[in-house]
Amino acid sequence: APSNYPLGKKDIITEGDIPVVWTNTKYK
């Protein structure tokens, strides 16, 4: 969720669309 940003203290994710679960439909 974008509401997490900025996420981190030392290494920080500040923005972006970040999928965390996905499937490539060409495979199982």
mmCIF file of all heavy atoms, coordinates in Angstrom:
data_MODEL
# 
_entry.id   MODEL 
# 
loop_
_atom_site.group_PDB 
_atom_site.id 
_atom_site.type_symbol 
_atom_site.label_atom_id 
_atom_site.label_alt_id 
_atom_site.label_comp_id 
_atom_site.label_asym_id 
_atom_site.label_entity_id 
_atom_site.label_seq_id 
_atom_site.pdbx_PDB_ins_code 
_atom_site.Cartn_x 
_atom_site.Cartn_y 
_atom_site.Cartn_z 
_atom_site.occupancy 
_atom_site.B_iso_or_equiv 
_atom_site.pdbx_formal_charge 
_atom_site.auth_seq_id 
_atom_site.auth_comp_id 
_atom_site.auth_asym_id 
_atom_site.auth_atom_id 
_atom_site.pdbx_PDB_model_num 
ATOM 1   N N   . ALA A 1 1  ? 0.844  -1.199  0.000   1.00 0.00 ? 1  ALA A N   1 
ATOM 2   C CA  . ALA A 1 1  ? 0.000  0.000   0.000   1.00 0.00 ? 1  ALA A CA  1 
ATOM 3   C C   . ALA A 1 1  ? 0.881  1.252   0.000   1.00 0.00 ? 1  ALA A C   1 
ATOM 4   O O   . ALA A 1 1  ? 1.861  1.324   0.750   1.00 0.00 ? 1  ALA A O   1 
ATOM 5   C CB  . ALA A 1 1  ? -0.911 0.005   1.222   1.00 0.00 ? 1  ALA A CB  1 
ATOM 6   N N   . PRO A 1 2  ? 0.576  2.251   -0.834  1.00 0.00 ? 2  PRO A N   1 
ATOM 7   C CA  . PRO A 1 2  ? 1.355  3.492   -0.858  1.00 0.00 ? 2  PRO A CA  1 
ATOM 8   C C   . PRO A 1 2  ? 1.406  4.203   0.494   1.00 0.00 ? 2  PRO A C   1 
ATOM 9   O O   . PRO A 1 2  ? 2.351  4.953   0.761   1.00 0.00 ? 2  PRO A O   1 
ATOM 10  C CB  . PRO A 1 2  ? 0.616  4.341   -1.897  1.00 0.00 ? 2  PRO A CB  1 
ATOM 11  C CG  . PRO A 1 2  ? -0.059 3.343   -2.790  1.00 0.00 ? 2  PRO A CG  1 
ATOM 12  C CD  . PRO A 1 2  ? -0.461 2.223   -1.875  1.00 0.00 ? 2  PRO A CD  1 
ATOM 13  N N   . SER A 1 3  ? 0.431  3.917   1.347   1.00 0.00 ? 3  SER A N   1 
ATOM 14  C CA  . SER A 1 3  ? 0.413  4.557   2.667   1.00 0.00 ? 3  SER A CA  1 
ATOM 15  C C   . SER A 1 3  ? 1.592  4.135   3.536   1.00 0.00 ? 3  SER A C   1 
ATOM 16  O O   . SER A 1 3  ? 1.861  4.768   4.568   1.00 0.00 ? 3  SER A O   1 
ATOM 17  C CB  . SER A 1 3  ? -0.902 4.239   3.386   1.00 0.00 ? 3  SER A CB  1 
ATOM 18  O OG  . SER A 1 3  ? -1.072 2.840   3.538   1.00 0.00 ? 3  SER A OG  1 
ATOM 19  N N   . ASN A 1 4  ? 2.313  3.084   3.137   1.00 0.00 ? 4  ASN A N   1 
ATOM 20  C CA  . ASN A 1 4  ? 3.489  2.653   3.890   1.00 0.00 ? 4  ASN A CA  1 
ATOM 21  C C   . ASN A 1 4  ? 4.668  3.616   3.738   1.00 0.00 ? 4  ASN A C   1 
ATOM 22  O O   . ASN A 1 4  ? 5.551  3.659   4.599   1.00 0.00 ? 4  ASN A O   1 
ATOM 23  C CB  . ASN A 1 4  ? 3.955  1.274   3.415   1.00 0.00 ? 4  ASN A CB  1 
ATOM 24  C CG  . ASN A 1 4  ? 2.982  0.162   3.747   1.00 0.00 ? 4  ASN A CG  1 
ATOM 25  O OD1 . ASN A 1 4  ? 2.694  -0.088  4.908   1.00 0.00 ? 4  ASN A OD1 1 
ATOM 26  N ND2 . ASN A 1 4  ? 2.484  -0.513  2.720   1.00 0.00 ? 4  ASN A ND2 1 
ATOM 27  N N   . TYR A 1 5  ? 4.719  4.355   2.638   1.00 0.00 ? 5  TYR A N   1 
ATOM 28  C CA  . TYR A 1 5  ? 5.893  5.159   2.330   1.00 0.00 ? 5  TYR A CA  1 
ATOM 29  C C   . TYR A 1 5  ? 5.958  6.416   3.196   1.00 0.00 ? 5  TYR A C   1 
ATOM 30  O O   . TYR A 1 5  ? 4.938  7.030   3.477   1.00 0.00 ? 5  TYR A O   1 
ATOM 31  C CB  . TYR A 1 5  ? 5.888  5.547   0.854   1.00 0.00 ? 5  TYR A CB  1 
ATOM 32  C CG  . TYR A 1 5  ? 5.757  4.382   -0.092  1.00 0.00 ? 5  TYR A CG  1 
ATOM 33  C CD1 . TYR A 1 5  ? 4.991  4.491   -1.251  1.00 0.00 ? 5  TYR A CD1 1 
ATOM 34  C CD2 . TYR A 1 5  ? 6.373  3.155   0.168   1.00 0.00 ? 5  TYR A CD2 1 
ATOM 35  C CE1 . TYR A 1 5  ? 4.859  3.426   -2.137  1.00 0.00 ? 5  TYR A CE1 1 
ATOM 36  C CE2 . TYR A 1 5  ? 6.253  2.079   -0.710  1.00 0.00 ? 5  TYR A CE2 1 
ATOM 37  C CZ  . TYR A 1 5  ? 5.488  2.227   -1.853  1.00 0.00 ? 5  TYR A CZ  1 
ATOM 38  O OH  . TYR A 1 5  ? 5.348  1.160   -2.712  1.00 0.00 ? 5  TYR A OH  1 
ATOM 39  N N   . PRO A 1 6  ? 7.182  6.776   3.630   1.00 0.00 ? 6  PRO A N   1 
ATOM 40  C CA  . PRO A 1 6  ? 8.470  6.103   3.416   1.00 0.00 ? 6  PRO A CA  1 
ATOM 41  C C   . PRO A 1 6  ? 8.572  4.858   4.303   1.00 0.00 ? 6  PRO A C   1 
ATOM 42  O O   . PRO A 1 6  ? 8.256  4.907   5.486   1.00 0.00 ? 6  PRO A O   1 
ATOM 43  C CB  . PRO A 1 6  ? 9.500  7.156   3.810   1.00 0.00 ? 6  PRO A CB  1 
ATOM 44  C CG  . PRO A 1 6  ? 8.782  8.003   4.822   1.00 0.00 ? 6  PRO A CG  1 
ATOM 45  C CD  . PRO A 1 6  ? 7.333  8.027   4.401   1.00 0.00 ? 6  PRO A CD  1 
ATOM 46  N N   . LEU A 1 7  ? 9.057  3.765   3.708   1.00 0.00 ? 7  LEU A N   1 
ATOM 47  C CA  . LEU A 1 7  ? 9.138  2.485   4.403   1.00 0.00 ? 7  LEU A CA  1 
ATOM 48  C C   . LEU A 1 7  ? 10.606 2.144   4.650   1.00 0.00 ? 7  LEU A C   1 
ATOM 49  O O   . LEU A 1 7  ? 11.356 1.889   3.706   1.00 0.00 ? 7  LEU A O   1 
ATOM 50  C CB  . LEU A 1 7  ? 8.469  1.394   3.570   1.00 0.00 ? 7  LEU A CB  1 
ATOM 51  C CG  . LEU A 1 7  ? 8.415  -0.006  4.181   1.00 0.00 ? 7  LEU A CG  1 
ATOM 52  C CD1 . LEU A 1 7  ? 7.619  -0.015  5.486   1.00 0.00 ? 7  LEU A CD1 1 
ATOM 53  C CD2 . LEU A 1 7  ? 7.816  -1.005  3.186   1.00 0.00 ? 7  LEU A CD2 1 
ATOM 54  N N   . GLY A 1 8  ? 11.014 2.152   5.926   1.00 0.00 ? 8  GLY A N   1 
ATOM 55  C CA  . GLY A 1 8  ? 12.395 1.839   6.269   1.00 0.00 ? 8  GLY A CA  1 
ATOM 56  C C   . GLY A 1 8  ? 13.042 2.947   7.070   1.00 0.00 ? 8  GLY A C   1 
ATOM 57  O O   . GLY A 1 8  ? 12.477 4.033   7.232   1.00 0.00 ? 8  GLY A O   1 
ATOM 58  N N   . LYS A 1 9  ? 14.243 2.667   7.551   1.00 0.00 ? 9  LYS A N   1 
ATOM 59  C CA  . LYS A 1 9  ? 15.002 3.654   8.331   1.00 0.00 ? 9  LYS A CA  1 
ATOM 60  C C   . LYS A 1 9  ? 16.409 3.831   7.761   1.00 0.00 ? 9  LYS A C   1 
ATOM 61  O O   . LYS A 1 9  ? 16.878 4.943   7.576   1.00 0.00 ? 9  LYS A O   1 
ATOM 62  C CB  . LYS A 1 9  ? 15.074 3.221   9.791   1.00 0.00 ? 9  LYS A CB  1 
ATOM 63  C CG  . LYS A 1 9  ? 13.704 3.158   10.470  1.00 0.00 ? 9  LYS A CG  1 
ATOM 64  C CD  . LYS A 1 9  ? 13.795 2.690   11.907  1.00 0.00 ? 9  LYS A CD  1 
ATOM 65  C CE  . LYS A 1 9  ? 12.409 2.610   12.540  1.00 0.00 ? 9  LYS A CE  1 
ATOM 66  N NZ  . LYS A 1 9  ? 12.466 2.103   13.937  1.00 0.00 ? 9  LYS A NZ  1 
ATOM 67  N N   . LYS A 1 10 ? 17.081 2.698   7.499   1.00 0.00 ? 10 LYS A N   1 
ATOM 68  C CA  . LYS A 1 10 ? 18.405 2.751   6.875   1.00 0.00 ? 10 LYS A CA  1 
ATOM 69  C C   . LYS A 1 10 ? 18.269 2.748   5.359   1.00 0.00 ? 10 LYS A C   1 
ATOM 70  O O   . LYS A 1 10 ? 18.776 3.631   4.675   1.00 0.00 ? 10 LYS A O   1 
ATOM 71  C CB  . LYS A 1 10 ? 19.253 1.581   7.337   1.00 0.00 ? 10 LYS A CB  1 
ATOM 72  C CG  . LYS A 1 10 ? 20.631 1.548   6.704   1.00 0.00 ? 10 LYS A CG  1 
ATOM 73  C CD  . LYS A 1 10 ? 21.406 0.308   7.131   1.00 0.00 ? 10 LYS A CD  1 
ATOM 74  C CE  . LYS A 1 10 ? 22.758 0.255   6.419   1.00 0.00 ? 10 LYS A CE  1 
ATOM 75  N NZ  . LYS A 1 10 ? 23.498 -0.990  6.733   1.00 0.00 ? 10 LYS A NZ  1 
ATOM 76  N N   . ASP A 1 11 ? 17.600 1.712   4.847   1.00 0.00 ? 11 ASP A N   1 
ATOM 77  C CA  . ASP A 1 11 ? 17.250 1.658   3.424   1.00 0.00 ? 11 ASP A CA  1 
ATOM 78  C C   . ASP A 1 11 ? 15.761 1.945   3.324   1.00 0.00 ? 11 ASP A C   1 
ATOM 79  O O   . ASP A 1 11 ? 14.941 1.242   3.929   1.00 0.00 ? 11 ASP A O   1 
ATOM 80  C CB  . ASP A 1 11 ? 17.567 0.287   2.839   1.00 0.00 ? 11 ASP A CB  1 
ATOM 81  C CG  . ASP A 1 11 ? 19.054 -0.023  2.874   1.00 0.00 ? 11 ASP A CG  1 
ATOM 82  O OD1 . ASP A 1 11 ? 19.846 0.888   2.585   1.00 0.00 ? 11 ASP A OD1 1 
ATOM 83  O OD2 . ASP A 1 11 ? 19.423 -1.163  3.200   1.00 0.00 ? 11 ASP A OD2 1 
ATOM 84  N N   . ILE A 1 12 ? 15.415 2.971   2.555   1.00 0.00 ? 12 ILE A N   1 
ATOM 85  C CA  . ILE A 1 12 ? 14.042 3.478   2.561   1.00 0.00 ? 12 ILE A CA  1 
ATOM 86  C C   . ILE A 1 12 ? 13.415 3.382   1.174   1.00 0.00 ? 12 ILE A C   1 
ATOM 87  O O   . ILE A 1 12 ? 14.009 3.824   0.182   1.00 0.00 ? 12 ILE A O   1 
ATOM 88  C CB  . ILE A 1 12 ? 14.006 4.945   3.041   1.00 0.00 ? 12 ILE A CB  1 
ATOM 89  C CG1 . ILE A 1 12 ? 14.659 5.054   4.430   1.00 0.00 ? 12 ILE A CG1 1 
ATOM 90  C CG2 . ILE A 1 12 ? 12.576 5.462   3.083   1.00 0.00 ? 12 ILE A CG2 1 
ATOM 91  C CD1 . ILE A 1 12 ? 14.815 6.479   4.911   1.00 0.00 ? 12 ILE A CD1 1 
ATOM 92  N N   . ILE A 1 13 ? 12.240 2.775   1.124   1.00 0.00 ? 13 ILE A N   1 
ATOM 93  C CA  . ILE A 1 13 ? 11.432 2.800   -0.093  1.00 0.00 ? 13 ILE A CA  1 
ATOM 94  C C   . ILE A 1 13 ? 10.504 4.005   0.028   1.00 0.00 ? 13 ILE A C   1 
ATOM 95  O O   . ILE A 1 13 ? 9.696  4.091   0.948   1.00 0.00 ? 13 ILE A O   1 
ATOM 96  C CB  . ILE A 1 13 ? 10.619 1.504   -0.249  1.00 0.00 ? 13 ILE A CB  1 
ATOM 97  C CG1 . ILE A 1 13 ? 11.544 0.287   -0.355  1.00 0.00 ? 13 ILE A CG1 1 
ATOM 98  C CG2 . ILE A 1 13 ? 9.727  1.589   -1.483  1.00 0.00 ? 13 ILE A CG2 1 
ATOM 99  C CD1 . ILE A 1 13 ? 10.821 -1.046  -0.425  1.00 0.00 ? 13 ILE A CD1 1 
ATOM 100 N N   . THR A 1 14 ? 10.643 4.921   -0.904  1.00 0.00 ? 14 THR A N   1 
ATOM 101 C CA  . THR A 1 14 ? 9.905  6.179   -0.785  1.00 0.00 ? 14 THR A CA  1 
ATOM 102 C C   . THR A 1 14 ? 8.677  6.255   -1.676  1.00 0.00 ? 14 THR A C   1 
ATOM 103 O O   . THR A 1 14 ? 7.767  7.052   -1.425  1.00 0.00 ? 14 THR A O   1 
ATOM 104 C CB  . THR A 1 14 ? 10.824 7.364   -1.131  1.00 0.00 ? 14 THR A CB  1 
ATOM 105 O OG1 . THR A 1 14 ? 11.335 7.186   -2.473  1.00 0.00 ? 14 THR A OG1 1 
ATOM 106 C CG2 . THR A 1 14 ? 11.998 7.446   -0.154  1.00 0.00 ? 14 THR A CG2 1 
ATOM 107 N N   . GLU A 1 15 ? 8.649  5.422   -2.721  1.00 0.00 ? 15 GLU A N   1 
ATOM 108 C CA  . GLU A 1 15 ? 7.525  5.517   -3.659  1.00 0.00 ? 15 GLU A CA  1 
ATOM 109 C C   . GLU A 1 15 ? 7.519  4.293   -4.567  1.00 0.00 ? 15 GLU A C   1 
ATOM 110 O O   . GLU A 1 15 ? 8.403  3.439   -4.499  1.00 0.00 ? 15 GLU A O   1 
ATOM 111 C CB  . GLU A 1 15 ? 7.661  6.774   -4.520  1.00 0.00 ? 15 GLU A CB  1 
ATOM 112 C CG  . GLU A 1 15 ? 8.916  6.781   -5.365  1.00 0.00 ? 15 GLU A CG  1 
ATOM 113 C CD  . GLU A 1 15 ? 9.065  8.040   -6.187  1.00 0.00 ? 15 GLU A CD  1 
ATOM 114 O OE1 . GLU A 1 15 ? 8.149  8.881   -6.137  1.00 0.00 ? 15 GLU A OE1 1 
ATOM 115 O OE2 . GLU A 1 15 ? 10.085 8.168   -6.895  1.00 0.00 ? 15 GLU A OE2 1 
ATOM 116 N N   . GLY A 1 16 ? 6.514  4.252   -5.409  1.00 0.00 ? 16 GLY A N   1 
ATOM 117 C CA  . GLY A 1 16 ? 6.480  3.233   -6.446  1.00 0.00 ? 16 GLY A CA  1 
ATOM 118 C C   . GLY A 1 16 ? 5.393  2.191   -6.279  1.00 0.00 ? 16 GLY A C   1 
ATOM 119 O O   . GLY A 1 16 ? 4.880  1.959   -5.187  1.00 0.00 ? 16 GLY A O   1 
ATOM 120 N N   . ASP A 1 17 ? 5.047  1.580   -7.406  1.00 0.00 ? 17 ASP A N   1 
ATOM 121 C CA  . ASP A 1 17 ? 4.114  0.453   -7.420  1.00 0.00 ? 17 ASP A CA  1 
ATOM 122 C C   . ASP A 1 17 ? 4.946  -0.801  -7.163  1.00 0.00 ? 17 ASP A C   1 
ATOM 123 O O   . ASP A 1 17 ? 5.812  -1.151  -7.969  1.00 0.00 ? 17 ASP A O   1 
ATOM 124 C CB  . ASP A 1 17 ? 3.425  0.368   -8.780  1.00 0.00 ? 17 ASP A CB  1 
ATOM 125 C CG  . ASP A 1 17 ? 2.616  -0.897  -8.934  1.00 0.00 ? 17 ASP A CG  1 
ATOM 126 O OD1 . ASP A 1 17 ? 1.904  -1.262  -7.973  1.00 0.00 ? 17 ASP A OD1 1 
ATOM 127 O OD2 . ASP A 1 17 ? 2.708  -1.543  -10.000 1.00 0.00 ? 17 ASP A OD2 1 
ATOM 128 N N   . ILE A 1 18 ? 4.704  -1.478  -6.030  1.00 0.00 ? 18 ILE A N   1 
ATOM 129 C CA  . ILE A 1 18 ? 5.518  -2.631  -5.661  1.00 0.00 ? 18 ILE A CA  1 
ATOM 130 C C   . ILE A 1 18 ? 4.637  -3.855  -5.418  1.00 0.00 ? 18 ILE A C   1 
ATOM 131 O O   . ILE A 1 18 ? 4.127  -4.072  -4.320  1.00 0.00 ? 18 ILE A O   1 
ATOM 132 C CB  . ILE A 1 18 ? 6.375  -2.323  -4.414  1.00 0.00 ? 18 ILE A CB  1 
ATOM 133 C CG1 . ILE A 1 18 ? 7.284  -1.128  -4.707  1.00 0.00 ? 18 ILE A CG1 1 
ATOM 134 C CG2 . ILE A 1 18 ? 7.194  -3.553  -4.036  1.00 0.00 ? 18 ILE A CG2 1 
ATOM 135 C CD1 . ILE A 1 18 ? 8.222  -0.783  -3.575  1.00 0.00 ? 18 ILE A CD1 1 
ATOM 136 N N   . PRO A 1 19 ? 4.447  -4.667  -6.454  1.00 0.00 ? 19 PRO A N   1 
ATOM 137 C CA  . PRO A 1 19 ? 3.762  -5.951  -6.255  1.00 0.00 ? 19 PRO A CA  1 
ATOM 138 C C   . PRO A 1 19 ? 4.585  -6.845  -5.328  1.00 0.00 ? 19 PRO A C   1 
ATOM 139 O O   . PRO A 1 19 ? 5.812  -6.867  -5.406  1.00 0.00 ? 19 PRO A O   1 
ATOM 140 C CB  . PRO A 1 19 ? 3.699  -6.534  -7.667  1.00 0.00 ? 19 PRO A CB  1 
ATOM 141 C CG  . PRO A 1 19 ? 3.802  -5.352  -8.584  1.00 0.00 ? 19 PRO A CG  1 
ATOM 142 C CD  . PRO A 1 19 ? 4.742  -4.417  -7.873  1.00 0.00 ? 19 PRO A CD  1 
ATOM 143 N N   . VAL A 1 20 ? 3.890  -7.576  -4.465  1.00 0.00 ? 20 VAL A N   1 
ATOM 144 C CA  . VAL A 1 20 ? 4.590  -8.497  -3.556  1.00 0.00 ? 20 VAL A CA  1 
ATOM 145 C C   . VAL A 1 20 ? 4.141  -9.945  -3.746  1.00 0.00 ? 20 VAL A C   1 
ATOM 146 O O   . VAL A 1 20 ? 4.803  -10.861 -3.263  1.00 0.00 ? 20 VAL A O   1 
ATOM 147 C CB  . VAL A 1 20 ? 4.418  -8.078  -2.073  1.00 0.00 ? 20 VAL A CB  1 
ATOM 148 C CG1 . VAL A 1 20 ? 5.105  -6.743  -1.824  1.00 0.00 ? 20 VAL A CG1 1 
ATOM 149 C CG2 . VAL A 1 20 ? 2.960  -8.007  -1.670  1.00 0.00 ? 20 VAL A CG2 1 
ATOM 150 N N   . VAL A 1 21 ? 3.041  -10.145 -4.454  1.00 0.00 ? 21 VAL A N   1 
ATOM 151 C CA  . VAL A 1 21 ? 2.592  -11.496 -4.821  1.00 0.00 ? 21 VAL A CA  1 
ATOM 152 C C   . VAL A 1 21 ? 2.047  -11.423 -6.238  1.00 0.00 ? 21 VAL A C   1 
ATOM 153 O O   . VAL A 1 21 ? 1.208  -10.576 -6.537  1.00 0.00 ? 21 VAL A O   1 
ATOM 154 C CB  . VAL A 1 21 ? 1.490  -12.029 -3.876  1.00 0.00 ? 21 VAL A CB  1 
ATOM 155 C CG1 . VAL A 1 21 ? 1.052  -13.422 -4.295  1.00 0.00 ? 21 VAL A CG1 1 
ATOM 156 C CG2 . VAL A 1 21 ? 1.954  -12.030 -2.425  1.00 0.00 ? 21 VAL A CG2 1 
ATOM 157 N N   . TRP A 1 22 ? 2.553  -12.311 -7.095  1.00 0.00 ? 22 TRP A N   1 
ATOM 158 C CA  . TRP A 1 22 ? 2.021  -12.339 -8.453  1.00 0.00 ? 22 TRP A CA  1 
ATOM 159 C C   . TRP A 1 22 ? 2.265  -13.696 -9.101  1.00 0.00 ? 22 TRP A C   1 
ATOM 160 O O   . TRP A 1 22 ? 3.033  -14.512 -8.604  1.00 0.00 ? 22 TRP A O   1 
ATOM 161 C CB  . TRP A 1 22 ? 2.625  -11.229 -9.307  1.00 0.00 ? 22 TRP A CB  1 
ATOM 162 C CG  . TRP A 1 22 ? 4.073  -11.365 -9.665  1.00 0.00 ? 22 TRP A CG  1 
ATOM 163 C CD1 . TRP A 1 22 ? 4.618  -12.071 -10.706 1.00 0.00 ? 22 TRP A CD1 1 
ATOM 164 C CD2 . TRP A 1 22 ? 5.189  -10.753 -8.994  1.00 0.00 ? 22 TRP A CD2 1 
ATOM 165 N NE1 . TRP A 1 22 ? 5.985  -11.948 -10.729 1.00 0.00 ? 22 TRP A NE1 1 
ATOM 166 C CE2 . TRP A 1 22 ? 6.365  -11.132 -9.690  1.00 0.00 ? 22 TRP A CE2 1 
ATOM 167 C CE3 . TRP A 1 22 ? 5.312  -9.924  -7.875  1.00 0.00 ? 22 TRP A CE3 1 
ATOM 168 C CZ2 . TRP A 1 22 ? 7.636  -10.721 -9.291  1.00 0.00 ? 22 TRP A CZ2 1 
ATOM 169 C CZ3 . TRP A 1 22 ? 6.580  -9.506  -7.481  1.00 0.00 ? 22 TRP A CZ3 1 
ATOM 170 C CH2 . TRP A 1 22 ? 7.720  -9.898  -8.182  1.00 0.00 ? 22 TRP A CH2 1 
ATOM 171 N N   . THR A 1 23 ? 1.586  -13.901 -10.225 1.00 0.00 ? 23 THR A N   1 
ATOM 172 C CA  . THR A 1 23 ? 1.783  -15.120 -11.004 1.00 0.00 ? 23 THR A CA  1 
ATOM 173 C C   . THR A 1 23 ? 1.988  -14.760 -12.465 1.00 0.00 ? 23 THR A C   1 
ATOM 174 O O   . THR A 1 23 ? 1.350  -13.826 -12.981 1.00 0.00 ? 23 THR A O   1 
ATOM 175 C CB  . THR A 1 23 ? 0.588  -16.081 -10.853 1.00 0.00 ? 23 THR A CB  1 
ATOM 176 O OG1 . THR A 1 23 ? 0.777  -17.233 -11.664 1.00 0.00 ? 23 THR A OG1 1 
ATOM 177 C CG2 . THR A 1 23 ? -0.720 -15.419 -11.213 1.00 0.00 ? 23 THR A CG2 1 
ATOM 178 N N   . ASN A 1 24 ? 2.897  -15.454 -13.110 1.00 0.00 ? 24 ASN A N   1 
ATOM 179 C CA  . ASN A 1 24 ? 3.056  -15.377 -14.557 1.00 0.00 ? 24 ASN A CA  1 
ATOM 180 C C   . ASN A 1 24 ? 2.103  -16.419 -15.134 1.00 0.00 ? 24 ASN A C   1 
ATOM 181 O O   . ASN A 1 24 ? 2.295  -17.615 -14.949 1.00 0.00 ? 24 ASN A O   1 
ATOM 182 C CB  . ASN A 1 24 ? 4.503  -15.675 -14.951 1.00 0.00 ? 24 ASN A CB  1 
ATOM 183 C CG  . ASN A 1 24 ? 4.735  -15.598 -16.454 1.00 0.00 ? 24 ASN A CG  1 
ATOM 184 O OD1 . ASN A 1 24 ? 3.803  -15.642 -17.251 1.00 0.00 ? 24 ASN A OD1 1 
ATOM 185 N ND2 . ASN A 1 24 ? 5.998  -15.475 -16.853 1.00 0.00 ? 24 ASN A ND2 1 
ATOM 186 N N   . THR A 1 25 ? 1.081  -15.955 -15.822 1.00 0.00 ? 25 THR A N   1 
ATOM 187 C CA  . THR A 1 25 ? 0.006  -16.847 -16.248 1.00 0.00 ? 25 THR A CA  1 
ATOM 188 C C   . THR A 1 25 ? 0.430  -17.836 -17.333 1.00 0.00 ? 25 THR A C   1 
ATOM 189 O O   . THR A 1 25 ? -0.336 -18.733 -17.682 1.00 0.00 ? 25 THR A O   1 
ATOM 190 C CB  . THR A 1 25 ? -1.194 -16.028 -16.748 1.00 0.00 ? 25 THR A CB  1 
ATOM 191 O OG1 . THR A 1 25 ? -0.782 -15.169 -17.832 1.00 0.00 ? 25 THR A OG1 1 
ATOM 192 C CG2 . THR A 1 25 ? -1.764 -15.167 -15.627 1.00 0.00 ? 25 THR A CG2 1 
ATOM 193 N N   . LYS A 1 26 ? 1.639  -17.711 -17.851 1.00 0.00 ? 26 LYS A N   1 
ATOM 194 C CA  . LYS A 1 26 ? 2.151  -18.678 -18.820 1.00 0.00 ? 26 LYS A CA  1 
ATOM 195 C C   . LYS A 1 26 ? 2.617  -19.961 -18.136 1.00 0.00 ? 26 LYS A C   1 
ATOM 196 O O   . LYS A 1 26 ? 2.883  -20.968 -18.798 1.00 0.00 ? 26 LYS A O   1 
ATOM 197 C CB  . LYS A 1 26 ? 3.320  -18.071 -19.613 1.00 0.00 ? 26 LYS A CB  1 
ATOM 198 C CG  . LYS A 1 26 ? 2.909  -16.918 -20.519 1.00 0.00 ? 26 LYS A CG  1 
ATOM 199 C CD  . LYS A 1 26 ? 4.120  -16.261 -21.153 1.00 0.00 ? 26 LYS A CD  1 
ATOM 200 C CE  . LYS A 1 26 ? 4.848  -17.203 -22.100 1.00 0.00 ? 26 LYS A CE  1 
ATOM 201 N NZ  . LYS A 1 26 ? 6.000  -16.524 -22.783 1.00 0.00 ? 26 LYS A NZ  1 
ATOM 202 N N   . TYR A 1 27 ? 2.722  -19.904 -16.801 1.00 0.00 ? 27 TYR A N   1 
ATOM 203 C CA  . TYR A 1 27 ? 3.214  -21.048 -16.033 1.00 0.00 ? 27 TYR A CA  1 
ATOM 204 C C   . TYR A 1 27 ? 2.307  -21.300 -14.833 1.00 0.00 ? 27 TYR A C   1 
ATOM 205 O O   . TYR A 1 27 ? 1.490  -20.459 -14.460 1.00 0.00 ? 27 TYR A O   1 
ATOM 206 C CB  . TYR A 1 27 ? 4.635  -20.785 -15.530 1.00 0.00 ? 27 TYR A CB  1 
ATOM 207 C CG  . TYR A 1 27 ? 5.644  -20.532 -16.611 1.00 0.00 ? 27 TYR A CG  1 
ATOM 208 C CD1 . TYR A 1 27 ? 5.952  -19.229 -17.015 1.00 0.00 ? 27 TYR A CD1 1 
ATOM 209 C CD2 . TYR A 1 27 ? 6.296  -21.585 -17.238 1.00 0.00 ? 27 TYR A CD2 1 
ATOM 210 C CE1 . TYR A 1 27 ? 6.886  -18.989 -18.013 1.00 0.00 ? 27 TYR A CE1 1 
ATOM 211 C CE2 . TYR A 1 27 ? 7.238  -21.361 -18.237 1.00 0.00 ? 27 TYR A CE2 1 
ATOM 212 C CZ  . TYR A 1 27 ? 7.523  -20.053 -18.619 1.00 0.00 ? 27 TYR A CZ  1 
ATOM 213 O OH  . TYR A 1 27 ? 8.454  -19.825 -19.612 1.00 0.00 ? 27 TYR A OH  1 
ATOM 214 N N   . LYS A 1 28 ? 2.510  -22.458 -14.209 1.00 0.00 ? 28 LYS A N   1 
ATOM 215 C CA  . LYS A 1 28 ? 1.833  -22.755 -12.947 1.00 0.00 ? 28 LYS A CA  1 
ATOM 216 C C   . LYS A 1 28 ? 2.780  -22.312 -11.829 1.00 0.00 ? 28 LYS A C   1 
ATOM 217 O O   . LYS A 1 28 ? 3.565  -23.103 -11.306 1.00 0.00 ? 28 LYS A O   1 
ATOM 218 C CB  . LYS A 1 28 ? 1.528  -24.247 -12.858 1.00 0.00 ? 28 LYS A CB  1 
ATOM 219 C CG  . LYS A 1 28 ? 0.508  -24.747 -13.867 1.00 0.00 ? 28 LYS A CG  1 
ATOM 220 C CD  . LYS A 1 28 ? 0.327  -26.249 -13.808 1.00 0.00 ? 28 LYS A CD  1 
ATOM 221 C CE  . LYS A 1 28 ? -0.222 -26.687 -12.461 1.00 0.00 ? 28 LYS A CE  1 
ATOM 222 N NZ  . LYS A 1 28 ? -0.467 -28.156 -12.421 1.00 0.00 ? 28 LYS A NZ  1 
# 
